[in-house]
Amino acid sequence: MRANRPAGGFRPAPSGLVRLRFSDAADLGRAEAAFRAGPAPVLGDAWSDPGALALTIRGEAAVETVRAVLGVLDAAALVPEAFTVHSHELDDVLASFGPPS
């Protein structure tokens, strides 16, 4: 699970997240390894939640991100129990700065 940063330095925050839920810890571990080694440049950082058997991947809320995630899953012969894509909306961004005044 790696951050793909352009040579110029600044990289805007990804506009979405992909969340994968697996049936057991072994599949979650295999997914972590696959995304750590994955060459997909459109994918950002990834982190796991072992209690929920879930892996979350940062990326743009775009078709290219979904294709890249599916490519990594296919190459690793993994099938998650759940696959969800979350995009940030303006309200989410504003809420991250604190309660309304």
PDB file of N, CA and C in Angstrom:
ATOM      1  N   MET A   1       0.810  -1.031   0.000  1.00  0.00           N
ATOM      2  CA  MET A   1       0.000   0.000   0.000  1.00  0.00           C
ATOM      3  C   MET A   1       0.925   1.178   0.000  1.00  0.00           C
ATOM      4  N   ARG A   2       0.771   1.894  -1.061  1.00  0.00           N
ATOM      5  CA  ARG A   2       1.745   2.915  -1.320  1.00  0.00           C
ATOM      6  C   ARG A   2       1.071   4.171  -1.789  1.00  0.00           C
ATOM      7  N   ALA A   3       1.760   5.246  -1.619  1.00  0.00           N
ATOM      8  CA  ALA A   3       1.263   6.516  -2.131  1.00  0.00           C
ATOM      9  C   ALA A   3       1.975   6.780  -3.440  1.00  0.00           C
ATOM     10  N   ASN A   4       1.244   7.050  -4.464  1.00  0.00           N
ATOM     11  CA  ASN A   4       1.822   7.371  -5.763  1.00  0.00           C
ATOM     12  C   ASN A   4       1.838   8.882  -5.892  1.00  0.00           C
ATOM     13  N   ARG A   5       2.985   9.462  -5.770  1.00  0.00           N
ATOM     14  CA  ARG A   5       3.109  10.915  -5.814  1.00  0.00           C
ATOM     15  C   ARG A   5       3.803  11.322  -7.107  1.00  0.00           C
ATOM     16  N   PRO A   6       3.303  12.339  -7.799  1.00  0.00           N
ATOM     17  CA  PRO A   6       3.961  12.806  -9.006  1.00  0.00           C
ATOM     18  C   PRO A   6       5.298  13.442  -8.672  1.00  0.00           C
ATOM     19  N   ALA A   7       6.187  13.500  -9.649  1.00  0.00           N
ATOM     20  CA  ALA A   7       7.525  14.036  -9.444  1.00  0.00           C
ATOM     21  C   ALA A   7       7.495  15.487  -8.976  1.00  0.00           C
ATOM     22  N   GLY A   8       6.483  16.272  -9.364  1.00  0.00           N
ATOM     23  CA  GLY A   8       6.405  17.675  -9.015  1.00  0.00           C
ATOM     24  C   GLY A   8       6.104  17.940  -7.552  1.00  0.00           C
ATOM     25  N   GLY A   9       5.685  16.975  -6.771  1.00  0.00           N
ATOM     26  CA  GLY A   9       5.441  17.160  -5.353  1.00  0.00           C
ATOM     27  C   GLY A   9       3.980  17.211  -4.983  1.00  0.00           C
ATOM     28  N   PHE A  10       3.273  18.309  -5.262  1.00  0.00           N
ATOM     29  CA  PHE A  10       1.892  18.472  -4.823  1.00  0.00           C
ATOM     30  C   PHE A  10       0.971  17.502  -5.545  1.00  0.00           C
ATOM     31  N   ARG A  11       0.103  16.898  -4.761  1.00  0.00           N
ATOM     32  CA  ARG A  11      -0.915  16.001  -5.321  1.00  0.00           C
ATOM     33  C   ARG A  11      -2.227  16.314  -4.631  1.00  0.00           C
ATOM     34  N   PRO A  12      -3.256  16.718  -5.374  1.00  0.00           N
ATOM     35  CA  PRO A  12      -4.528  17.004  -4.719  1.00  0.00           C
ATOM     36  C   PRO A  12      -5.099  15.756  -4.048  1.00  0.00           C
ATOM     37  N   ALA A  13      -5.898  15.979  -3.022  1.00  0.00           N
ATOM     38  CA  ALA A  13      -6.516  14.859  -2.311  1.00  0.00           C
ATOM     39  C   ALA A  13      -7.432  14.090  -3.255  1.00  0.00           C
ATOM     40  N   PRO A  14      -7.422  12.758  -3.167  1.00  0.00           N
ATOM     41  CA  PRO A  14      -8.320  11.963  -4.007  1.00  0.00           C
ATOM     42  C   PRO A  14      -9.772  12.311  -3.716  1.00  0.00           C
ATOM     43  N   SER A  15     -10.592  12.176  -4.730  1.00  0.00           N
ATOM     44  CA  SER A  15     -11.997  12.546  -4.581  1.00  0.00           C
ATOM     45  C   SER A  15     -12.879  11.398  -4.106  1.00  0.00           C
ATOM     46  N   GLY A  16     -12.296  10.249  -3.811  1.00  0.00           N
ATOM     47  CA  GLY A  16     -13.130   9.143  -3.381  1.00  0.00           C
ATOM     48  C   GLY A  16     -12.361   8.039  -2.690  1.00  0.00           C
ATOM     49  N   LEU A  17     -13.123   7.033  -2.294  1.00  0.00           N
ATOM     50  CA  LEU A  17     -12.583   5.846  -1.639  1.00  0.00           C
ATOM     51  C   LEU A  17     -13.282   4.617  -2.196  1.00  0.00           C
ATOM     52  N   VAL A  18     -12.555   3.530  -2.268  1.00  0.00           N
ATOM     53  CA  VAL A  18     -13.141   2.233  -2.595  1.00  0.00           C
ATOM     54  C   VAL A  18     -12.967   1.378  -1.350  1.00  0.00           C
ATOM     55  N   ARG A  19     -14.042   0.744  -0.906  1.00  0.00           N
ATOM     56  CA  ARG A  19     -13.980  -0.094   0.291  1.00  0.00           C
ATOM     57  C   ARG A  19     -14.347  -1.523  -0.099  1.00  0.00           C
ATOM     58  N   LEU A  20     -13.477  -2.441   0.272  1.00  0.00           N
ATOM     59  CA  LEU A  20     -13.663  -3.862  -0.006  1.00  0.00           C
ATOM     60  C   LEU A  20     -13.809  -4.594   1.313  1.00  0.00           C
ATOM     61  N   ARG A  21     -14.827  -5.440   1.430  1.00  0.00           N
ATOM     62  CA  ARG A  21     -15.009  -6.260   2.628  1.00  0.00           C
ATOM     63  C   ARG A  21     -14.855  -7.712   2.228  1.00  0.00           C
ATOM     64  N   PHE A  22     -14.074  -8.457   3.019  1.00  0.00           N
ATOM     65  CA  PHE A  22     -13.769  -9.845   2.696  1.00  0.00           C
ATOM     66  C   PHE A  22     -14.414 -10.799   3.699  1.00  0.00           C
ATOM     67  N   SER A  23     -14.474 -12.063   3.334  1.00  0.00           N
ATOM     68  CA  SER A  23     -15.149 -13.057   4.172  1.00  0.00           C
ATOM     69  C   SER A  23     -14.280 -13.550   5.313  1.00  0.00           C
ATOM     70  N   ASP A  24     -12.948 -13.416   5.184  1.00  0.00           N
ATOM     71  CA  ASP A  24     -12.085 -13.884   6.269  1.00  0.00           C
ATOM     72  C   ASP A  24     -10.764 -13.121   6.267  1.00  0.00           C
ATOM     73  N   ALA A  25     -10.015 -13.295   7.355  1.00  0.00           N
ATOM     74  CA  ALA A  25      -8.755 -12.573   7.533  1.00  0.00           C
ATOM     75  C   ALA A  25      -7.711 -12.979   6.494  1.00  0.00           C
ATOM     76  N   ALA A  26      -7.746 -14.229   6.049  1.00  0.00           N
ATOM     77  CA  ALA A  26      -6.777 -14.688   5.054  1.00  0.00           C
ATOM     78  C   ALA A  26      -6.951 -13.922   3.742  1.00  0.00           C
ATOM     79  N   ASP A  27      -8.199 -13.770   3.291  1.00  0.00           N
ATOM     80  CA  ASP A  27      -8.447 -13.006   2.066  1.00  0.00           C
ATOM     81  C   ASP A  27      -8.079 -11.539   2.233  1.00  0.00           C
ATOM     82  N   LEU A  28      -8.348 -10.971   3.399  1.00  0.00           N
ATOM     83  CA  LEU A  28      -7.960  -9.587   3.662  1.00  0.00           C
ATOM     84  C   LEU A  28      -6.441  -9.449   3.583  1.00  0.00           C
ATOM     85  N   GLY A  29      -5.718 -10.380   4.167  1.00  0.00           N
ATOM     86  CA  GLY A  29      -4.257 -10.358   4.104  1.00  0.00           C
ATOM     87  C   GLY A  29      -3.734 -10.467   2.684  1.00  0.00           C
ATOM     88  N   ARG A  30      -4.342 -11.343   1.893  1.00  0.00           N
ATOM     89  CA  ARG A  30      -3.940 -11.479   0.482  1.00  0.00           C
ATOM     90  C   ARG A  30      -4.229 -10.194  -0.287  1.00  0.00           C
ATOM     91  N   ALA A  31      -5.349  -9.541   0.028  1.00  0.00           N
ATOM     92  CA  ALA A  31      -5.689  -8.282  -0.637  1.00  0.00           C
ATOM     93  C   ALA A  31      -4.698  -7.192  -0.258  1.00  0.00           C
ATOM     94  N   GLU A  32      -4.341  -7.120   1.013  1.00  0.00           N
ATOM     95  CA  GLU A  32      -3.341  -6.128   1.437  1.00  0.00           C
ATOM     96  C   GLU A  32      -2.045  -6.313   0.663  1.00  0.00           C
ATOM     97  N   ALA A  33      -1.593  -7.551   0.558  1.00  0.00           N
ATOM     98  CA  ALA A  33      -0.358  -7.834  -0.173  1.00  0.00           C
ATOM     99  C   ALA A  33      -0.488  -7.465  -1.648  1.00  0.00           C
ATOM    100  N   ALA A  34      -1.625  -7.771  -2.245  1.00  0.00           N
ATOM    101  CA  ALA A  34      -1.836  -7.478  -3.670  1.00  0.00           C
ATOM    102  C   ALA A  34      -1.834  -5.978  -3.930  1.00  0.00           C
ATOM    103  N   PHE A  35      -2.478  -5.197  -3.071  1.00  0.00           N
ATOM    104  CA  PHE A  35      -2.515  -3.753  -3.284  1.00  0.00           C
ATOM    105  C   PHE A  35      -1.188  -3.101  -2.925  1.00  0.00           C
ATOM    106  N   ARG A  36      -0.424  -3.705  -2.024  1.00  0.00           N
ATOM    107  CA  ARG A  36       0.900  -3.192  -1.694  1.00  0.00           C
ATOM    108  C   ARG A  36       1.822  -3.347  -2.902  1.00  0.00           C
ATOM    109  N   ALA A  37       1.672  -4.448  -3.639  1.00  0.00           N
ATOM    110  CA  ALA A  37       2.530  -4.734  -4.784  1.00  0.00           C
ATOM    111  C   ALA A  37       1.957  -4.220  -6.093  1.00  0.00           C
ATOM    112  N   GLY A  38       0.692  -3.800  -6.075  1.00  0.00           N
ATOM    113  CA  GLY A  38       0.009  -3.412  -7.308  1.00  0.00           C
ATOM    114  C   GLY A  38       0.635  -2.229  -8.010  1.00  0.00           C
ATOM    115  N   PRO A  39       0.752  -2.289  -9.319  1.00  0.00           N
ATOM    116  CA  PRO A  39       1.382  -1.226 -10.094  1.00  0.00           C
ATOM    117  C   PRO A  39       0.414  -0.150 -10.580  1.00  0.00           C
ATOM    118  N   ALA A  40      -0.822  -0.168 -10.130  1.00  0.00           N
ATOM    119  CA  ALA A  40      -1.829   0.750 -10.670  1.00  0.00           C
ATOM    120  C   ALA A  40      -1.563   2.189 -10.218  1.00  0.00           C
ATOM    121  N   PRO A  41      -1.180   3.076 -11.144  1.00  0.00           N
ATOM    122  CA  PRO A  41      -0.833   4.452 -10.773  1.00  0.00           C
ATOM    123  C   PRO A  41      -2.021   5.305 -10.342  1.00  0.00           C
ATOM    124  N   VAL A  42      -3.252   4.902 -10.640  1.00  0.00           N
ATOM    125  CA  VAL A  42      -4.405   5.717 -10.255  1.00  0.00           C
ATOM    126  C   VAL A  42      -4.852   5.453  -8.823  1.00  0.00           C
ATOM    127  N   LEU A  43      -4.234   4.476  -8.158  1.00  0.00           N
ATOM    128  CA  LEU A  43      -4.627   4.147  -6.795  1.00  0.00           C
ATOM    129  C   LEU A  43      -3.726   4.857  -5.797  1.00  0.00           C
ATOM    130  N   GLY A  44      -4.324   5.320  -4.729  1.00  0.00           N
ATOM    131  CA  GLY A  44      -3.566   5.977  -3.669  1.00  0.00           C
ATOM    132  C   GLY A  44      -3.275   5.016  -2.540  1.00  0.00           C
ATOM    133  N   ASP A  45      -3.131   5.579  -1.348  1.00  0.00           N
ATOM    134  CA  ASP A  45      -2.862   4.784  -0.160  1.00  0.00           C
ATOM    135  C   ASP A  45      -4.010   3.806   0.097  1.00  0.00           C
ATOM    136  N   ALA A  46      -3.684   2.731   0.779  1.00  0.00           N
ATOM    137  CA  ALA A  46      -4.695   1.753   1.174  1.00  0.00           C
ATOM    138  C   ALA A  46      -4.432   1.362   2.621  1.00  0.00           C
ATOM    139  N   TRP A  47      -5.492   1.082   3.347  1.00  0.00           N
ATOM    140  CA  TRP A  47      -5.348   0.653   4.730  1.00  0.00           C
ATOM    141  C   TRP A  47      -6.445  -0.336   5.058  1.00  0.00           C
ATOM    142  N   SER A  48      -6.156  -1.173   6.056  1.00  0.00           N
ATOM    143  CA  SER A  48      -7.119  -2.216   6.405  1.00  0.00           C
ATOM    144  C   SER A  48      -7.736  -1.961   7.769  1.00  0.00           C
ATOM    145  N   ASP A  49      -8.886  -2.566   7.959  1.00  0.00           N
ATOM    146  CA  ASP A  49      -9.591  -2.589   9.241  1.00  0.00           C
ATOM    147  C   ASP A  49      -9.840  -4.063   9.532  1.00  0.00           C
ATOM    148  N   PRO A  50      -8.906  -4.716  10.250  1.00  0.00           N
ATOM    149  CA  PRO A  50      -9.046  -6.158  10.487  1.00  0.00           C
ATOM    150  C   PRO A  50     -10.339  -6.543  11.192  1.00  0.00           C
ATOM    151  N   GLY A  51     -10.839  -5.699  12.075  1.00  0.00           N
ATOM    152  CA  GLY A  51     -12.080  -6.013  12.781  1.00  0.00           C
ATOM    153  C   GLY A  51     -13.275  -6.101  11.854  1.00  0.00           C
ATOM    154  N   ALA A  52     -13.272  -5.286  10.820  1.00  0.00           N
ATOM    155  CA  ALA A  52     -14.369  -5.282   9.847  1.00  0.00           C
ATOM    156  C   ALA A  52     -14.041  -6.120   8.609  1.00  0.00           C
ATOM    157  N   LEU A  53     -12.844  -6.714   8.590  1.00  0.00           N
ATOM    158  CA  LEU A  53     -12.369  -7.476   7.420  1.00  0.00           C
ATOM    159  C   LEU A  53     -12.446  -6.621   6.154  1.00  0.00           C
ATOM    160  N   ALA A  54     -12.047  -5.344   6.285  1.00  0.00           N
ATOM    161  CA  ALA A  54     -12.203  -4.402   5.171  1.00  0.00           C
ATOM    162  C   ALA A  54     -10.874  -3.765   4.784  1.00  0.00           C
ATOM    163  N   LEU A  55     -10.766  -3.455   3.519  1.00  0.00           N
ATOM    164  CA  LEU A  55      -9.629  -2.739   2.962  1.00  0.00           C
ATOM    165  C   LEU A  55     -10.182  -1.503   2.264  1.00  0.00           C
ATOM    166  N   THR A  56      -9.609  -0.342   2.561  1.00  0.00           N
ATOM    167  CA  THR A  56     -10.042   0.909   1.954  1.00  0.00           C
ATOM    168  C   THR A  56      -8.905   1.450   1.106  1.00  0.00           C
ATOM    169  N   ILE A  57      -9.220   1.867  -0.111  1.00  0.00           N
ATOM    170  CA  ILE A  57      -8.231   2.370  -1.064  1.00  0.00           C
ATOM    171  C   ILE A  57      -8.636   3.779  -1.487  1.00  0.00           C
ATOM    172  N   ARG A  58      -7.709   4.718  -1.395  1.00  0.00           N
ATOM    173  CA  ARG A  58      -7.988   6.066  -1.890  1.00  0.00           C
ATOM    174  C   ARG A  58      -7.827   6.097  -3.396  1.00  0.00           C
ATOM    175  N   GLY A  59      -8.654   6.902  -4.035  1.00  0.00           N
ATOM    176  CA  GLY A  59      -8.553   7.068  -5.477  1.00  0.00           C
ATOM    177  C   GLY A  59      -9.544   8.099  -5.942  1.00  0.00           C
ATOM    178  N   GLU A  60      -9.479   8.415  -7.190  1.00  0.00           N
ATOM    179  CA  GLU A  60     -10.446   9.332  -7.763  1.00  0.00           C
ATOM    180  C   GLU A  60     -11.777   8.600  -7.884  1.00  0.00           C
ATOM    181  N   ALA A  61     -12.847   9.332  -7.756  1.00  0.00           N
ATOM    182  CA  ALA A  61     -14.177   8.739  -7.935  1.00  0.00           C
ATOM    183  C   ALA A  61     -14.430   8.661  -9.436  1.00  0.00           C
ATOM    184  N   ALA A  62     -13.728   7.744 -10.082  1.00  0.00           N
ATOM    185  CA  ALA A  62     -13.780   7.646 -11.537  1.00  0.00           C
ATOM    186  C   ALA A  62     -13.702   6.182 -11.974  1.00  0.00           C
ATOM    187  N   VAL A  63     -14.077   5.955 -13.201  1.00  0.00           N
ATOM    188  CA  VAL A  63     -14.075   4.606 -13.767  1.00  0.00           C
ATOM    189  C   VAL A  63     -12.672   4.003 -13.745  1.00  0.00           C
ATOM    190  N   GLU A  64     -11.639   4.812 -13.977  1.00  0.00           N
ATOM    191  CA  GLU A  64     -10.270   4.300 -14.002  1.00  0.00           C
ATOM    192  C   GLU A  64      -9.886   3.665 -12.668  1.00  0.00           C
ATOM    193  N   THR A  65     -10.336   4.267 -11.565  1.00  0.00           N
ATOM    194  CA  THR A  65     -10.039   3.715 -10.251  1.00  0.00           C
ATOM    195  C   THR A  65     -10.723   2.367 -10.071  1.00  0.00           C
ATOM    196  N   VAL A  66     -11.994   2.279 -10.445  1.00  0.00           N
ATOM    197  CA  VAL A  66     -12.723   1.010 -10.324  1.00  0.00           C
ATOM    198  C   VAL A  66     -12.048  -0.054 -11.176  1.00  0.00           C
ATOM    199  N   ARG A  67     -11.661   0.282 -12.391  1.00  0.00           N
ATOM    200  CA  ARG A  67     -10.960  -0.680 -13.257  1.00  0.00           C
ATOM    201  C   ARG A  67      -9.660  -1.146 -12.628  1.00  0.00           C
ATOM    202  N   ALA A  68      -8.903  -0.208 -12.047  1.00  0.00           N
ATOM    203  CA  ALA A  68      -7.623  -0.565 -11.428  1.00  0.00           C
ATOM    204  C   ALA A  68      -7.833  -1.497 -10.243  1.00  0.00           C
ATOM    205  N   VAL A  69      -8.817  -1.204  -9.402  1.00  0.00           N
ATOM    206  CA  VAL A  69      -9.113  -2.070  -8.251  1.00  0.00           C
ATOM    207  C   VAL A  69      -9.528  -3.454  -8.735  1.00  0.00           C
ATOM    208  N   LEU A  70     -10.416  -3.501  -9.716  1.00  0.00           N
ATOM    209  CA  LEU A  70     -10.839  -4.795 -10.254  1.00  0.00           C
ATOM    210  C   LEU A  70      -9.660  -5.557 -10.860  1.00  0.00           C
ATOM    211  N   GLY A  71      -8.735  -4.843 -11.499  1.00  0.00           N
ATOM    212  CA  GLY A  71      -7.553  -5.482 -12.074  1.00  0.00           C
ATOM    213  C   GLY A  71      -6.680  -6.133 -11.011  1.00  0.00           C
ATOM    214  N   VAL A  72      -6.450  -5.432  -9.907  1.00  0.00           N
ATOM    215  CA  VAL A  72      -5.650  -5.990  -8.817  1.00  0.00           C
ATOM    216  C   VAL A  72      -6.359  -7.203  -8.212  1.00  0.00           C
ATOM    217  N   LEU A  73      -7.667  -7.079  -7.980  1.00  0.00           N
ATOM    218  CA  LEU A  73      -8.431  -8.204  -7.429  1.00  0.00           C
ATOM    219  C   LEU A  73      -8.391  -9.409  -8.362  1.00  0.00           C
ATOM    220  N   ASP A  74      -8.549  -9.171  -9.654  1.00  0.00           N
ATOM    221  CA  ASP A  74      -8.534 -10.254 -10.638  1.00  0.00           C
ATOM    222  C   ASP A  74      -7.171 -10.941 -10.676  1.00  0.00           C
ATOM    223  N   ALA A  75      -6.106 -10.139 -10.681  1.00  0.00           N
ATOM    224  CA  ALA A  75      -4.756 -10.710 -10.733  1.00  0.00           C
ATOM    225  C   ALA A  75      -4.459 -11.559  -9.500  1.00  0.00           C
ATOM    226  N   ALA A  76      -5.043 -11.184  -8.357  1.00  0.00           N
ATOM    227  CA  ALA A  76      -4.827 -11.931  -7.118  1.00  0.00           C
ATOM    228  C   ALA A  76      -5.885 -13.013  -6.904  1.00  0.00           C
ATOM    229  N   ALA A  77      -6.819 -13.162  -7.837  1.00  0.00           N
ATOM    230  CA  ALA A  77      -7.907 -14.146  -7.747  1.00  0.00           C
ATOM    231  C   ALA A  77      -8.708 -13.970  -6.456  1.00  0.00           C
ATOM    232  N   LEU A  78      -9.032 -12.710  -6.143  1.00  0.00           N
ATOM    233  CA  LEU A  78      -9.806 -12.391  -4.949  1.00  0.00           C
ATOM    234  C   LEU A  78     -11.187 -11.879  -5.326  1.00  0.00           C
ATOM    235  N   VAL A  79     -12.186 -12.291  -4.548  1.00  0.00           N
ATOM    236  CA  VAL A  79     -13.547 -11.806  -4.738  1.00  0.00           C
ATOM    237  C   VAL A  79     -14.042 -11.304  -3.380  1.00  0.00           C
ATOM    238  N   PRO A  80     -14.176  -9.972  -3.236  1.00  0.00           N
ATOM    239  CA  PRO A  80     -14.664  -9.459  -1.961  1.00  0.00           C
ATOM    240  C   PRO A  80     -16.151  -9.736  -1.780  1.00  0.00           C
ATOM    241  N   GLU A  81     -16.597  -9.769  -0.526  1.00  0.00           N
ATOM    242  CA  GLU A  81     -18.031  -9.914  -0.247  1.00  0.00           C
ATOM    243  C   GLU A  81     -18.785  -8.641  -0.583  1.00  0.00           C
ATOM    244  N   ALA A  82     -18.117  -7.500  -0.410  1.00  0.00           N
ATOM    245  CA  ALA A  82     -18.746  -6.207  -0.705  1.00  0.00           C
ATOM    246  C   ALA A  82     -17.717  -5.300  -1.355  1.00  0.00           C
ATOM    247  N   PHE A  83     -18.186  -4.489  -2.286  1.00  0.00           N
ATOM    248  CA  PHE A  83     -17.350  -3.543  -3.043  1.00  0.00           C
ATOM    249  C   PHE A  83     -18.143  -2.250  -3.126  1.00  0.00           C
ATOM    250  N   THR A  84     -17.674  -1.210  -2.448  1.00  0.00           N
ATOM    251  CA  THR A  84     -18.400   0.060  -2.480  1.00  0.00           C
ATOM    252  C   THR A  84     -17.467   1.191  -2.876  1.00  0.00           C
ATOM    253  N   VAL A  85     -18.025   2.167  -3.575  1.00  0.00           N
ATOM    254  CA  VAL A  85     -17.284   3.356  -3.987  1.00  0.00           C
ATOM    255  C   VAL A  85     -17.937   4.543  -3.303  1.00  0.00           C
ATOM    256  N   HIS A  86     -17.119   5.349  -2.636  1.00  0.00           N
ATOM    257  CA  HIS A  86     -17.605   6.524  -1.918  1.00  0.00           C
ATOM    258  C   HIS A  86     -16.950   7.755  -2.520  1.00  0.00           C
ATOM    259  N   SER A  87     -17.756   8.764  -2.841  1.00  0.00           N
ATOM    260  CA  SER A  87     -17.193  10.015  -3.350  1.00  0.00           C
ATOM    261  C   SER A  87     -17.461  11.117  -2.344  1.00  0.00           C
ATOM    262  N   HIS A  88     -16.550  12.067  -2.283  1.00  0.00           N
ATOM    263  CA  HIS A  88     -16.690  13.191  -1.358  1.00  0.00           C
ATOM    264  C   HIS A  88     -17.561  14.259  -2.002  1.00  0.00           C
ATOM    265  N   GLU A  89     -18.454  14.793  -1.229  1.00  0.00           N
ATOM    266  CA  GLU A  89     -19.272  15.911  -1.692  1.00  0.00           C
ATOM    267  C   GLU A  89     -18.845  17.136  -0.914  1.00  0.00           C
ATOM    268  N   LEU A  90     -19.238  18.303  -1.370  1.00  0.00           N
ATOM    269  CA  LEU A  90     -18.842  19.541  -0.725  1.00  0.00           C
ATOM    270  C   LEU A  90     -19.219  19.553   0.752  1.00  0.00           C
ATOM    271  N   ASP A  91     -20.373  19.036   1.107  1.00  0.00           N
ATOM    272  CA  ASP A  91     -20.781  18.996   2.514  1.00  0.00           C
ATOM    273  C   ASP A  91     -19.803  18.171   3.349  1.00  0.00           C
ATOM    274  N   ASP A  92     -19.303  17.062   2.781  1.00  0.00           N
ATOM    275  CA  ASP A  92     -18.333  16.235   3.489  1.00  0.00           C
ATOM    276  C   ASP A  92     -17.046  17.009   3.740  1.00  0.00           C
ATOM    277  N   VAL A  93     -16.601  17.747   2.735  1.00  0.00           N
ATOM    278  CA  VAL A  93     -15.366  18.520   2.857  1.00  0.00           C
ATOM    279  C   VAL A  93     -15.534  19.597   3.917  1.00  0.00           C
ATOM    280  N   LEU A  94     -16.633  20.337   3.875  1.00  0.00           N
ATOM    281  CA  LEU A  94     -16.862  21.389   4.859  1.00  0.00           C
ATOM    282  C   LEU A  94     -17.005  20.827   6.264  1.00  0.00           C
ATOM    283  N   ALA A  95     -17.642  19.671   6.394  1.00  0.00           N
ATOM    284  CA  ALA A  95     -17.819  19.053   7.709  1.00  0.00           C
ATOM    285  C   ALA A  95     -16.482  18.642   8.311  1.00  0.00           C
ATOM    286  N   SER A  96     -15.498  18.352   7.474  1.00  0.00           N
ATOM    287  CA  SER A  96     -14.200  17.935   7.993  1.00  0.00           C
ATOM    288  C   SER A  96     -13.471  19.077   8.685  1.00  0.00           C
ATOM    289  N   PHE A  97     -13.897  20.323   8.471  1.00  0.00           N
ATOM    290  CA  PHE A  97     -13.252  21.461   9.109  1.00  0.00           C
ATOM    291  C   PHE A  97     -13.840  21.774  10.476  1.00  0.00           C
ATOM    292  N   GLY A  98     -14.879  21.093  10.874  1.00  0.00           N
ATOM    293  CA  GLY A  98     -15.432  21.297  12.209  1.00  0.00           C
ATOM    294  C   GLY A  98     -16.902  21.614  12.167  1.00  0.00           C
ATOM    295  N   PRO A  99     -17.478  21.843  13.341  1.00  0.00           N
ATOM    296  CA  PRO A  99     -18.920  22.114  13.410  1.00  0.00           C
ATOM    297  C   PRO A  99     -19.254  23.468  12.772  1.00  0.00           C
ATOM    298  N   PRO A 100     -20.488  23.600  12.262  1.00  0.00           N
ATOM    299  CA  PRO A 100     -20.865  24.871  11.669  1.00  0.00           C
ATOM    300  C   PRO A 100     -20.920  25.963  12.729  1.00  0.00           C
ATOM    301  N   SER A 101     -20.630  27.187  12.288  1.00  0.00           N
ATOM    302  CA  SER A 101     -20.609  28.289  13.255  1.00  0.00           C
ATOM    303  C   SER A 101     -21.961  28.950  13.394  1.00  0.00           C
TER     304      SER A 101
END
